[in-house]
């Protein structure tokens, strides 16, 4: 018996369901809440995730993209939980719709760019 007889033929790798930008932001908020409660939060590579609160700046991100397109909001130490709660309520009220739409566009462009690069490699 050969390898393929035992394990089967290679198939295309199917990724898990791709999350929407909104789902990614909601997941990010949940992770940040855990961080603020001193829980360890790991990414897919089993490494600790970064806080959105660092160096006196609040920088929310969706995957590899910053929600505010490279800009940050100043914050004062000790106000993180209140600020994140306010951020969450504002998101739920739709205040960040234009920012989310911009990230959607960047994600689509990035996906197209990666697909094009993969196609070149296959040739």
Protein backbone atom coordinates (compact mmCIF):
# COMPACT_ATOMS: atom_id res chain seq x y z
CA UNK A 1 0.00 0.00 0.00
CA UNK A 2 1.24 3.43 -0.94
CA UNK A 3 0.92 6.77 0.76
CA UNK A 4 -2.08 7.88 -1.34
CA UNK A 5 -3.82 4.53 -0.79
CA UNK A 6 -3.54 5.04 2.94
CA UNK A 7 -4.13 8.78 3.25
CA UNK A 8 -5.94 9.77 0.07
CA UNK A 9 -5.10 12.19 -2.71
CA UNK A 10 -4.24 15.84 -2.00
CA UNK A 11 -7.17 18.25 -2.00
CA UNK A 12 -7.31 21.99 -2.13
CA UNK A 13 -7.03 23.45 1.34
CA UNK A 14 -10.32 24.90 2.42
CA UNK A 15 -10.04 27.75 4.89
CA UNK A 16 -12.47 28.17 7.72
CA UNK A 17 -15.40 30.45 7.09
CA UNK A 18 -14.06 33.91 6.48
CA UNK A 19 -15.30 36.32 9.11
CA UNK A 20 -16.92 39.58 8.08
CA UNK A 21 -15.24 42.81 9.11
CA UNK A 22 -17.98 43.35 11.69
CA UNK A 23 -17.48 39.86 13.15
CA UNK A 24 -13.74 40.48 13.35
CA UNK A 25 -14.28 43.78 15.17
CA UNK A 26 -16.75 42.17 17.61
CA UNK A 27 -14.23 39.40 18.29
CA UNK A 28 -11.52 42.00 18.78
CA UNK A 29 -13.65 43.86 21.32
CA UNK A 30 -14.24 40.61 23.23
CA UNK A 31 -10.50 39.91 23.24
CA UNK A 32 -9.71 43.41 24.49
CA UNK A 33 -12.26 43.03 27.28
CA UNK A 34 -10.50 39.83 28.34
CA UNK A 35 -7.12 41.56 28.27
CA UNK A 36 -8.47 44.35 30.47
CA UNK A 37 -9.67 41.66 32.90
CA UNK A 38 -6.09 40.35 33.06
CA UNK A 39 -6.85 37.21 31.07
CA UNK A 40 -4.27 35.84 28.66
CA UNK A 41 -5.47 36.03 25.05
CA UNK A 42 -3.52 34.23 22.33
CA UNK A 43 -3.69 34.56 18.57
CA UNK A 44 -3.74 31.70 16.04
CA UNK A 45 0.04 31.36 16.38
CA UNK A 46 -0.33 30.86 20.15
CA UNK A 47 1.24 34.26 20.84
CA UNK A 48 -0.22 36.96 23.11
CA UNK A 49 -2.29 39.53 21.24
CA UNK A 50 -1.52 43.25 21.45
CA UNK A 51 -3.63 45.59 23.47
CA UNK A 52 -5.41 48.37 21.64
CA UNK A 53 -4.22 50.57 24.52
CA UNK A 54 -0.50 51.27 24.23
CA UNK A 55 1.89 54.17 24.45
CA UNK A 56 -0.92 56.53 25.51
CA UNK A 57 -2.85 55.75 22.33
CA UNK A 58 -6.00 53.75 21.61
CA UNK A 59 -5.55 51.95 18.28
CA UNK A 60 -8.38 49.49 17.49
CA UNK A 61 -7.62 47.07 14.69
CA UNK A 62 -9.41 44.59 12.50
CA UNK A 63 -6.98 41.88 11.51
CA UNK A 64 -3.97 43.63 10.03
CA UNK A 65 -5.85 46.88 9.40
CA UNK A 66 -6.27 49.75 11.84
CA UNK A 67 -9.89 50.84 12.15
CA UNK A 68 -8.95 54.52 12.07
CA UNK A 69 -6.53 54.17 9.14
CA UNK A 70 -3.28 54.66 11.00
CA UNK A 71 -4.64 57.25 13.41
CA UNK A 72 -5.09 56.88 17.15
CA UNK A 73 -7.08 58.40 19.97
CA UNK A 74 -5.33 59.62 23.10
CA UNK A 75 -6.29 57.86 26.35
CA UNK A 76 -5.37 58.22 29.98
CA UNK A 77 -4.27 55.26 32.08
CA UNK A 78 -7.11 53.92 34.20
CA UNK A 79 -9.86 54.80 31.71
CA UNK A 80 -9.44 51.74 29.48
CA UNK A 81 -12.56 49.82 30.55
CA UNK A 82 -14.84 52.86 30.29
CA UNK A 83 -13.33 53.81 26.94
CA UNK A 84 -13.71 50.30 25.52
CA UNK A 85 -17.32 50.12 26.74
CA UNK A 86 -18.07 53.46 25.09
CA UNK A 87 -16.33 52.25 21.91
CA UNK A 88 -18.45 49.07 21.93
CA UNK A 89 -21.71 51.04 22.36
CA UNK A 90 -20.75 53.45 19.59
CA UNK A 91 -19.92 50.53 17.29
CA UNK A 92 -23.27 48.90 18.06
CA UNK A 93 -25.02 52.21 17.32
CA UNK A 94 -23.40 52.26 13.87
CA UNK A 95 -21.07 55.21 14.45
CA UNK A 96 -18.11 53.45 12.81
CA UNK A 97 -19.92 52.30 9.65
CA UNK A 98 -17.78 54.42 7.31
CA UNK A 99 -14.57 53.16 8.94
CA UNK A 100 -15.75 49.55 8.69
CA UNK A 101 -16.63 50.07 5.03
CA UNK A 102 -13.11 51.39 4.39
CA UNK A 103 -11.58 48.34 6.09
CA UNK A 104 -13.89 46.08 4.04
CA UNK A 105 -12.50 47.65 0.88
CA UNK A 106 -8.90 47.18 2.06
CA UNK A 107 -9.59 43.55 2.94
CA UNK A 108 -11.09 42.93 -0.52
CA UNK A 109 -8.11 44.59 -2.21
CA UNK A 110 -5.69 42.57 -0.09
CA UNK A 111 -7.53 39.32 -0.88
CA UNK A 112 -7.42 40.09 -4.61
CA UNK A 113 -3.71 40.94 -4.39
CA UNK A 114 -2.96 37.66 -2.59
CA UNK A 115 -5.03 35.66 -5.08
CA UNK A 116 -3.13 37.26 -7.95
CA UNK A 117 0.20 36.42 -6.31
CA UNK A 118 -0.89 32.82 -5.74
CA UNK A 119 -1.94 32.53 -9.38
CA UNK A 120 1.52 33.70 -10.51
CA UNK A 121 3.19 31.12 -8.28
CA UNK A 122 1.09 28.29 -9.76
CA UNK A 123 2.17 29.18 -13.32
